[in-house]
């Protein structure tokens, strides 16, 4: 498996996911459990790595996270900040 350097970022939305999760009052574990109810199996550790930009995120995960956190895809991608 390829090691990731500290300067490498594997996604552009992790920080926005973290802010939305905190605003929703959910822990990483709670988000993981809610995703599992939607048949999206993303463990707490994976959520941490996504939020820190250390793991790529799939389109299926992005869609499910936006639904669980009740935020738009535009918001997660920062399009509403323009």
PDB file of N, CA and C in Angstrom:
ATOM      1  N   UNK A   1       0.842  -1.173   0.000  1.00  0.00           N
ATOM      2  CA  UNK A   1       0.000   0.000   0.000  1.00  0.00           C
ATOM      3  C   UNK A   1       0.891   1.241   0.000  1.00  0.00           C
ATOM      4  N   UNK A   2       0.516   2.217  -0.782  1.00  0.00           N
ATOM      5  CA  UNK A   2       1.277   3.452  -0.890  1.00  0.00           C
ATOM      6  C   UNK A   2       1.119   4.287   0.379  1.00  0.00           C
ATOM      7  N   UNK A   3       2.218   4.779   0.898  1.00  0.00           N
ATOM      8  CA  UNK A   3       2.184   5.673   2.054  1.00  0.00           C
ATOM      9  C   UNK A   3       1.869   7.088   1.575  1.00  0.00           C
ATOM     10  N   UNK A   4       1.136   7.798   2.364  1.00  0.00           N
ATOM     11  CA  UNK A   4       0.738   9.153   2.003  1.00  0.00           C
ATOM     12  C   UNK A   4       1.595  10.145   2.776  1.00  0.00           C
ATOM     13  N   UNK A   5       2.170  11.073   2.058  1.00  0.00           N
ATOM     14  CA  UNK A   5       2.952  12.125   2.711  1.00  0.00           C
ATOM     15  C   UNK A   5       2.014  13.084   3.422  1.00  0.00           C
ATOM     16  N   UNK A   6       2.528  13.741   4.461  1.00  0.00           N
ATOM     17  CA  UNK A   6       1.718  14.693   5.217  1.00  0.00           C
ATOM     18  C   UNK A   6       1.132  15.785   4.332  1.00  0.00           C
ATOM     19  N   UNK A   7       1.847  16.167   3.287  1.00  0.00           N
ATOM     20  CA  UNK A   7       1.381  17.260   2.438  1.00  0.00           C
ATOM     21  C   UNK A   7       0.350  16.819   1.397  1.00  0.00           C
ATOM     22  N   UNK A   8       0.173  15.514   1.216  1.00  0.00           N
ATOM     23  CA  UNK A   8      -0.782  15.022   0.225  1.00  0.00           C
ATOM     24  C   UNK A   8      -2.198  15.033   0.790  1.00  0.00           C
ATOM     25  N   UNK A   9      -3.117  15.573   0.025  1.00  0.00           N
ATOM     26  CA  UNK A   9      -4.517  15.589   0.410  1.00  0.00           C
ATOM     27  C   UNK A   9      -5.288  14.791  -0.627  1.00  0.00           C
ATOM     28  N   UNK A  10      -6.123  13.860  -0.164  1.00  0.00           N
ATOM     29  CA  UNK A  10      -6.816  12.958  -1.074  1.00  0.00           C
ATOM     30  C   UNK A  10      -8.268  13.345  -1.347  1.00  0.00           C
ATOM     31  N   UNK A  11      -8.753  14.391  -0.699  1.00  0.00           N
ATOM     32  CA  UNK A  11     -10.083  14.900  -1.018  1.00  0.00           C
ATOM     33  C   UNK A  11     -10.129  16.389  -0.702  1.00  0.00           C
ATOM     34  N   UNK A  12     -11.126  17.067  -1.250  1.00  0.00           N
ATOM     35  CA  UNK A  12     -11.233  18.514  -1.042  1.00  0.00           C
ATOM     36  C   UNK A  12     -12.400  18.895  -0.134  1.00  0.00           C
ATOM     37  N   UNK A  13     -13.144  17.918   0.349  1.00  0.00           N
ATOM     38  CA  UNK A  13     -14.348  18.251   1.115  1.00  0.00           C
ATOM     39  C   UNK A  13     -14.303  17.797   2.571  1.00  0.00           C
ATOM     40  N   UNK A  14     -13.226  17.184   2.985  1.00  0.00           N
ATOM     41  CA  UNK A  14     -13.151  16.648   4.344  1.00  0.00           C
ATOM     42  C   UNK A  14     -13.414  17.670   5.430  1.00  0.00           C
ATOM     43  N   UNK A  15     -12.817  18.839   5.305  1.00  0.00           N
ATOM     44  CA  UNK A  15     -13.015  19.880   6.313  1.00  0.00           C
ATOM     45  C   UNK A  15     -14.456  20.345   6.388  1.00  0.00           C
ATOM     46  N   UNK A  16     -15.102  20.438   5.241  1.00  0.00           N
ATOM     47  CA  UNK A  16     -16.512  20.850   5.215  1.00  0.00           C
ATOM     48  C   UNK A  16     -17.404  19.766   5.816  1.00  0.00           C
ATOM     49  N   UNK A  17     -17.043  18.507   5.588  1.00  0.00           N
ATOM     50  CA  UNK A  17     -17.793  17.411   6.214  1.00  0.00           C
ATOM     51  C   UNK A  17     -17.662  17.514   7.726  1.00  0.00           C
ATOM     52  N   UNK A  18     -16.450  17.754   8.222  1.00  0.00           N
ATOM     53  CA  UNK A  18     -16.238  17.879   9.664  1.00  0.00           C
ATOM     54  C   UNK A  18     -17.094  19.017  10.236  1.00  0.00           C
ATOM     55  N   UNK A  19     -17.064  20.177   9.586  1.00  0.00           N
ATOM     56  CA  UNK A  19     -17.846  21.313  10.091  1.00  0.00           C
ATOM     57  C   UNK A  19     -19.344  21.004  10.083  1.00  0.00           C
ATOM     58  N   UNK A  20     -19.824  20.364   9.031  1.00  0.00           N
ATOM     59  CA  UNK A  20     -21.249  20.015   8.945  1.00  0.00           C
ATOM     60  C   UNK A  20     -21.621  18.969   9.994  1.00  0.00           C
ATOM     61  N   UNK A  21     -20.733  18.018  10.226  1.00  0.00           N
ATOM     62  CA  UNK A  21     -20.997  16.974  11.234  1.00  0.00           C
ATOM     63  C   UNK A  21     -21.086  17.594  12.622  1.00  0.00           C
ATOM     64  N   UNK A  22     -20.147  18.472  12.937  1.00  0.00           N
ATOM     65  CA  UNK A  22     -20.146  19.128  14.245  1.00  0.00           C
ATOM     66  C   UNK A  22     -21.386  20.009  14.393  1.00  0.00           C
ATOM     67  N   UNK A  23     -21.738  20.740  13.340  1.00  0.00           N
ATOM     68  CA  UNK A  23     -22.941  21.583  13.370  1.00  0.00           C
ATOM     69  C   UNK A  23     -24.199  20.746  13.589  1.00  0.00           C
ATOM     70  N   UNK A  24     -24.191  19.516  13.084  1.00  0.00           N
ATOM     71  CA  UNK A  24     -25.333  18.611  13.255  1.00  0.00           C
ATOM     72  C   UNK A  24     -25.333  17.955  14.633  1.00  0.00           C
ATOM     73  N   UNK A  25     -24.261  18.168  15.403  1.00  0.00           N
ATOM     74  CA  UNK A  25     -24.183  17.603  16.748  1.00  0.00           C
ATOM     75  C   UNK A  25     -23.882  16.116  16.777  1.00  0.00           C
ATOM     76  N   UNK A  26     -23.215  15.618  15.741  1.00  0.00           N
ATOM     77  CA  UNK A  26     -22.911  14.187  15.660  1.00  0.00           C
ATOM     78  C   UNK A  26     -21.429  13.925  15.887  1.00  0.00           C
ATOM     79  N   UNK A  27     -21.144  12.822  16.540  1.00  0.00           N
ATOM     80  CA  UNK A  27     -19.765  12.350  16.638  1.00  0.00           C
ATOM     81  C   UNK A  27     -19.442  11.576  15.360  1.00  0.00           C
ATOM     82  N   UNK A  28     -18.182  11.287  15.151  1.00  0.00           N
ATOM     83  CA  UNK A  28     -17.803  10.469  13.993  1.00  0.00           C
ATOM     84  C   UNK A  28     -18.465   9.099  14.083  1.00  0.00           C
ATOM     85  N   UNK A  29     -18.527   8.541  15.277  1.00  0.00           N
ATOM     86  CA  UNK A  29     -19.158   7.230  15.462  1.00  0.00           C
ATOM     87  C   UNK A  29     -20.647   7.293  15.116  1.00  0.00           C
ATOM     88  N   UNK A  30     -21.324   8.347  15.546  1.00  0.00           N
ATOM     89  CA  UNK A  30     -22.752   8.487  15.240  1.00  0.00           C
ATOM     90  C   UNK A  30     -22.981   8.641  13.741  1.00  0.00           C
ATOM     91  N   UNK A  31     -22.121   9.409  13.082  1.00  0.00           N
ATOM     92  CA  UNK A  31     -22.234   9.542  11.628  1.00  0.00           C
ATOM     93  C   UNK A  31     -22.041   8.186  10.966  1.00  0.00           C
ATOM     94  N   UNK A  32     -21.058   7.441  11.420  1.00  0.00           N
ATOM     95  CA  UNK A  32     -20.799   6.109  10.881  1.00  0.00           C
ATOM     96  C   UNK A  32     -22.029   5.212  11.032  1.00  0.00           C
ATOM     97  N   UNK A  33     -22.656   5.254  12.201  1.00  0.00           N
ATOM     98  CA  UNK A  33     -23.842   4.429  12.452  1.00  0.00           C
ATOM     99  C   UNK A  33     -25.009   4.833  11.549  1.00  0.00           C
ATOM    100  N   UNK A  34     -25.198   6.124  11.342  1.00  0.00           N
ATOM    101  CA  UNK A  34     -26.282   6.593  10.467  1.00  0.00           C
ATOM    102  C   UNK A  34     -26.018   6.207   9.010  1.00  0.00           C
ATOM    103  N   UNK A  35     -24.762   6.251   8.601  1.00  0.00           N
ATOM    104  CA  UNK A  35     -24.417   5.824   7.242  1.00  0.00           C
ATOM    105  C   UNK A  35     -24.684   4.333   7.067  1.00  0.00           C
ATOM    106  N   UNK A  36     -24.389   3.563   8.101  1.00  0.00           N
ATOM    107  CA  UNK A  36     -24.616   2.119   8.032  1.00  0.00           C
ATOM    108  C   UNK A  36     -26.099   1.811   7.821  1.00  0.00           C
ATOM    109  N   UNK A  37     -26.980   2.603   8.418  1.00  0.00           N
ATOM    110  CA  UNK A  37     -28.420   2.412   8.219  1.00  0.00           C
ATOM    111  C   UNK A  37     -28.819   2.634   6.767  1.00  0.00           C
ATOM    112  N   UNK A  38     -27.978   3.361   6.024  1.00  0.00           N
ATOM    113  CA  UNK A  38     -28.220   3.618   4.600  1.00  0.00           C
ATOM    114  C   UNK A  38     -27.423   2.648   3.729  1.00  0.00           C
ATOM    115  N   UNK A  39     -26.873   1.601   4.346  1.00  0.00           N
ATOM    116  CA  UNK A  39     -26.062   0.587   3.659  1.00  0.00           C
ATOM    117  C   UNK A  39     -24.776   1.174   3.073  1.00  0.00           C
ATOM    118  N   UNK A  40     -24.251   2.199   3.744  1.00  0.00           N
ATOM    119  CA  UNK A  40     -22.953   2.776   3.380  1.00  0.00           C
ATOM    120  C   UNK A  40     -22.045   2.503   4.571  1.00  0.00           C
ATOM    121  N   UNK A  41     -21.145   1.555   4.404  1.00  0.00           N
ATOM    122  CA  UNK A  41     -20.333   1.078   5.513  1.00  0.00           C
ATOM    123  C   UNK A  41     -18.999   1.818   5.552  1.00  0.00           C
ATOM    124  N   UNK A  42     -18.974   2.865   6.366  1.00  0.00           N
ATOM    125  CA  UNK A  42     -17.801   3.705   6.528  1.00  0.00           C
ATOM    126  C   UNK A  42     -17.538   3.805   8.026  1.00  0.00           C
ATOM    127  N   UNK A  43     -16.458   3.185   8.496  1.00  0.00           N
ATOM    128  CA  UNK A  43     -16.183   3.145   9.932  1.00  0.00           C
ATOM    129  C   UNK A  43     -15.732   4.511  10.450  1.00  0.00           C
ATOM    130  N   UNK A  44     -15.722   4.660  11.767  1.00  0.00           N
ATOM    131  CA  UNK A  44     -15.331   5.910  12.402  1.00  0.00           C
ATOM    132  C   UNK A  44     -13.933   6.326  11.984  1.00  0.00           C
ATOM    133  N   UNK A  45     -13.015   5.376  11.910  1.00  0.00           N
ATOM    134  CA  UNK A  45     -11.653   5.684  11.491  1.00  0.00           C
ATOM    135  C   UNK A  45     -11.589   6.223  10.071  1.00  0.00           C
ATOM    136  N   UNK A  46     -12.404   5.676   9.196  1.00  0.00           N
ATOM    137  CA  UNK A  46     -12.452   6.173   7.815  1.00  0.00           C
ATOM    138  C   UNK A  46     -13.007   7.588   7.766  1.00  0.00           C
ATOM    139  N   UNK A  47     -14.004   7.863   8.586  1.00  0.00           N
ATOM    140  CA  UNK A  47     -14.552   9.218   8.630  1.00  0.00           C
ATOM    141  C   UNK A  47     -13.481  10.194   9.103  1.00  0.00           C
ATOM    142  N   UNK A  48     -12.726   9.802  10.103  1.00  0.00           N
ATOM    143  CA  UNK A  48     -11.625  10.648  10.576  1.00  0.00           C
ATOM    144  C   UNK A  48     -10.632  10.931   9.457  1.00  0.00           C
ATOM    145  N   UNK A  49     -10.251   9.894   8.723  1.00  0.00           N
ATOM    146  CA  UNK A  49      -9.291  10.076   7.625  1.00  0.00           C
ATOM    147  C   UNK A  49      -9.878  10.928   6.496  1.00  0.00           C
ATOM    148  N   UNK A  50     -11.158  10.758   6.211  1.00  0.00           N
ATOM    149  CA  UNK A  50     -11.818  11.593   5.199  1.00  0.00           C
ATOM    150  C   UNK A  50     -11.776  13.051   5.644  1.00  0.00           C
ATOM    151  N   UNK A  51     -12.167  13.297   6.890  1.00  0.00           N
ATOM    152  CA  UNK A  51     -12.206  14.666   7.398  1.00  0.00           C
ATOM    153  C   UNK A  51     -10.827  15.322   7.398  1.00  0.00           C
ATOM    154  N   UNK A  52      -9.796  14.526   7.557  1.00  0.00           N
ATOM    155  CA  UNK A  52      -8.426  15.048   7.570  1.00  0.00           C
ATOM    156  C   UNK A  52      -7.775  15.033   6.194  1.00  0.00           C
ATOM    157  N   UNK A  53      -8.540  14.640   5.169  1.00  0.00           N
ATOM    158  CA  UNK A  53      -8.017  14.618   3.806  1.00  0.00           C
ATOM    159  C   UNK A  53      -7.047  13.488   3.543  1.00  0.00           C
ATOM    160  N   UNK A  54      -7.037  12.487   4.406  1.00  0.00           N
ATOM    161  CA  UNK A  54      -6.093  11.379   4.303  1.00  0.00           C
ATOM    162  C   UNK A  54      -6.685  10.160   3.601  1.00  0.00           C
ATOM    163  N   UNK A  55      -7.953  10.255   3.196  1.00  0.00           N
ATOM    164  CA  UNK A  55      -8.618   9.152   2.493  1.00  0.00           C
ATOM    165  C   UNK A  55      -9.517   9.742   1.423  1.00  0.00           C
ATOM    166  N   UNK A  56      -9.487   9.132   0.269  1.00  0.00           N
ATOM    167  CA  UNK A  56     -10.408   9.525  -0.799  1.00  0.00           C
ATOM    168  C   UNK A  56     -11.827   9.144  -0.378  1.00  0.00           C
ATOM    169  N   UNK A  57     -12.798   9.796  -0.983  1.00  0.00           N
ATOM    170  CA  UNK A  57     -14.193   9.537  -0.644  1.00  0.00           C
ATOM    171  C   UNK A  57     -14.955   9.243  -1.935  1.00  0.00           C
ATOM    172  N   UNK A  58     -15.852   8.270  -1.876  1.00  0.00           N
ATOM    173  CA  UNK A  58     -16.608   7.894  -3.071  1.00  0.00           C
ATOM    174  C   UNK A  58     -17.827   8.798  -3.241  1.00  0.00           C
ATOM    175  N   UNK A  59     -18.346   8.809  -4.445  1.00  0.00           N
ATOM    176  CA  UNK A  59     -19.553   9.595  -4.703  1.00  0.00           C
ATOM    177  C   UNK A  59     -20.729   9.075  -3.883  1.00  0.00           C
ATOM    178  N   UNK A  60     -20.790   7.786  -3.669  1.00  0.00           N
ATOM    179  CA  UNK A  60     -21.864   7.199  -2.859  1.00  0.00           C
ATOM    180  C   UNK A  60     -21.762   7.695  -1.419  1.00  0.00           C
ATOM    181  N   UNK A  61     -20.537   7.740  -0.879  1.00  0.00           N
ATOM    182  CA  UNK A  61     -20.340   8.242   0.483  1.00  0.00           C
ATOM    183  C   UNK A  61     -20.701   9.723   0.579  1.00  0.00           C
ATOM    184  N   UNK A  62     -20.288  10.503  -0.405  1.00  0.00           N
ATOM    185  CA  UNK A  62     -20.596  11.939  -0.402  1.00  0.00           C
ATOM    186  C   UNK A  62     -22.104  12.154  -0.390  1.00  0.00           C
ATOM    187  N   UNK A  63     -22.816  11.444  -1.247  1.00  0.00           N
ATOM    188  CA  UNK A  63     -24.272  11.583  -1.321  1.00  0.00           C
ATOM    189  C   UNK A  63     -24.924  11.210   0.008  1.00  0.00           C
ATOM    190  N   UNK A  64     -24.518  10.089   0.592  1.00  0.00           N
ATOM    191  CA  UNK A  64     -25.108   9.638   1.855  1.00  0.00           C
ATOM    192  C   UNK A  64     -24.786  10.608   2.990  1.00  0.00           C
ATOM    193  N   UNK A  65     -23.559  11.089   3.045  1.00  0.00           N
ATOM    194  CA  UNK A  65     -23.172  12.035   4.097  1.00  0.00           C
ATOM    195  C   UNK A  65     -23.984  13.317   3.980  1.00  0.00           C
ATOM    196  N   UNK A  66     -24.184  13.801   2.762  1.00  0.00           N
ATOM    197  CA  UNK A  66     -24.969  15.031   2.598  1.00  0.00           C
ATOM    198  C   UNK A  66     -26.401  14.825   3.083  1.00  0.00           C
ATOM    199  N   UNK A  67     -26.948  13.650   2.858  1.00  0.00           N
ATOM    200  CA  UNK A  67     -28.313  13.360   3.313  1.00  0.00           C
ATOM    201  C   UNK A  67     -28.375  13.244   4.831  1.00  0.00           C
ATOM    202  N   UNK A  68     -27.428  12.514   5.421  1.00  0.00           N
ATOM    203  CA  UNK A  68     -27.416  12.348   6.879  1.00  0.00           C
ATOM    204  C   UNK A  68     -27.237  13.696   7.570  1.00  0.00           C
ATOM    205  N   UNK A  69     -26.325  14.508   7.063  1.00  0.00           N
ATOM    206  CA  UNK A  69     -26.031  15.794   7.698  1.00  0.00           C
ATOM    207  C   UNK A  69     -26.988  16.897   7.255  1.00  0.00           C
ATOM    208  N   UNK A  70     -27.861  16.575   6.298  1.00  0.00           N
ATOM    209  CA  UNK A  70     -28.858  17.513   5.774  1.00  0.00           C
ATOM    210  C   UNK A  70     -28.205  18.793   5.251  1.00  0.00           C
ATOM    211  N   UNK A  71     -27.172  18.591   4.436  1.00  0.00           N
ATOM    212  CA  UNK A  71     -26.507  19.705   3.755  1.00  0.00           C
ATOM    213  C   UNK A  71     -26.481  19.392   2.265  1.00  0.00           C
ATOM    214  N   UNK A  72     -26.443  20.417   1.467  1.00  0.00           N
ATOM    215  CA  UNK A  72     -26.437  20.213   0.020  1.00  0.00           C
ATOM    216  C   UNK A  72     -25.059  19.772  -0.462  1.00  0.00           C
ATOM    217  N   UNK A  73     -25.047  19.136  -1.614  1.00  0.00           N
ATOM    218  CA  UNK A  73     -23.776  18.785  -2.241  1.00  0.00           C
ATOM    219  C   UNK A  73     -22.993  20.049  -2.565  1.00  0.00           C
ATOM    220  N   UNK A  74     -23.684  21.103  -2.995  1.00  0.00           N
ATOM    221  CA  UNK A  74     -23.010  22.374  -3.267  1.00  0.00           C
ATOM    222  C   UNK A  74     -22.285  22.877  -2.024  1.00  0.00           C
ATOM    223  N   UNK A  75     -22.918  22.738  -0.883  1.00  0.00           N
ATOM    224  CA  UNK A  75     -22.298  23.167   0.367  1.00  0.00           C
ATOM    225  C   UNK A  75     -21.040  22.354   0.662  1.00  0.00           C
ATOM    226  N   UNK A  76     -21.115  21.043   0.481  1.00  0.00           N
ATOM    227  CA  UNK A  76     -19.945  20.199   0.743  1.00  0.00           C
ATOM    228  C   UNK A  76     -18.787  20.516  -0.194  1.00  0.00           C
ATOM    229  N   UNK A  77     -19.112  20.908  -1.419  1.00  0.00           N
ATOM    230  CA  UNK A  77     -18.057  21.231  -2.381  1.00  0.00           C
ATOM    231  C   UNK A  77     -17.664  22.708  -2.347  1.00  0.00           C
ATOM    232  N   UNK A  78     -18.277  23.469  -1.442  1.00  0.00           N
ATOM    233  CA  UNK A  78     -17.912  24.869  -1.289  1.00  0.00           C
ATOM    234  C   UNK A  78     -18.455  25.780  -2.363  1.00  0.00           C
ATOM    235  N   UNK A  79     -19.396  25.291  -3.137  1.00  0.00           N
ATOM    236  CA  UNK A  79     -19.945  26.099  -4.225  1.00  0.00           C
ATOM    237  C   UNK A  79     -20.821  27.233  -3.711  1.00  0.00           C
ATOM    238  N   UNK A  80     -21.379  27.062  -2.522  1.00  0.00           N
ATOM    239  CA  UNK A  80     -22.225  28.124  -1.975  1.00  0.00           C
ATOM    240  C   UNK A  80     -21.393  29.228  -1.330  1.00  0.00           C
ATOM    241  N   UNK A  81     -20.067  29.056  -1.291  1.00  0.00           N
ATOM    242  CA  UNK A  81     -19.173  30.062  -0.719  1.00  0.00           C
ATOM    243  C   UNK A  81     -18.696  31.049  -1.773  1.00  0.00           C
ATOM    244  N   UNK A  82     -19.012  30.786  -3.042  1.00  0.00           N
ATOM    245  CA  UNK A  82     -18.523  31.624  -4.135  1.00  0.00           C
ATOM    246  C   UNK A  82     -19.311  32.905  -4.243  1.00  0.00           C
TER     247      UNK A  82
END
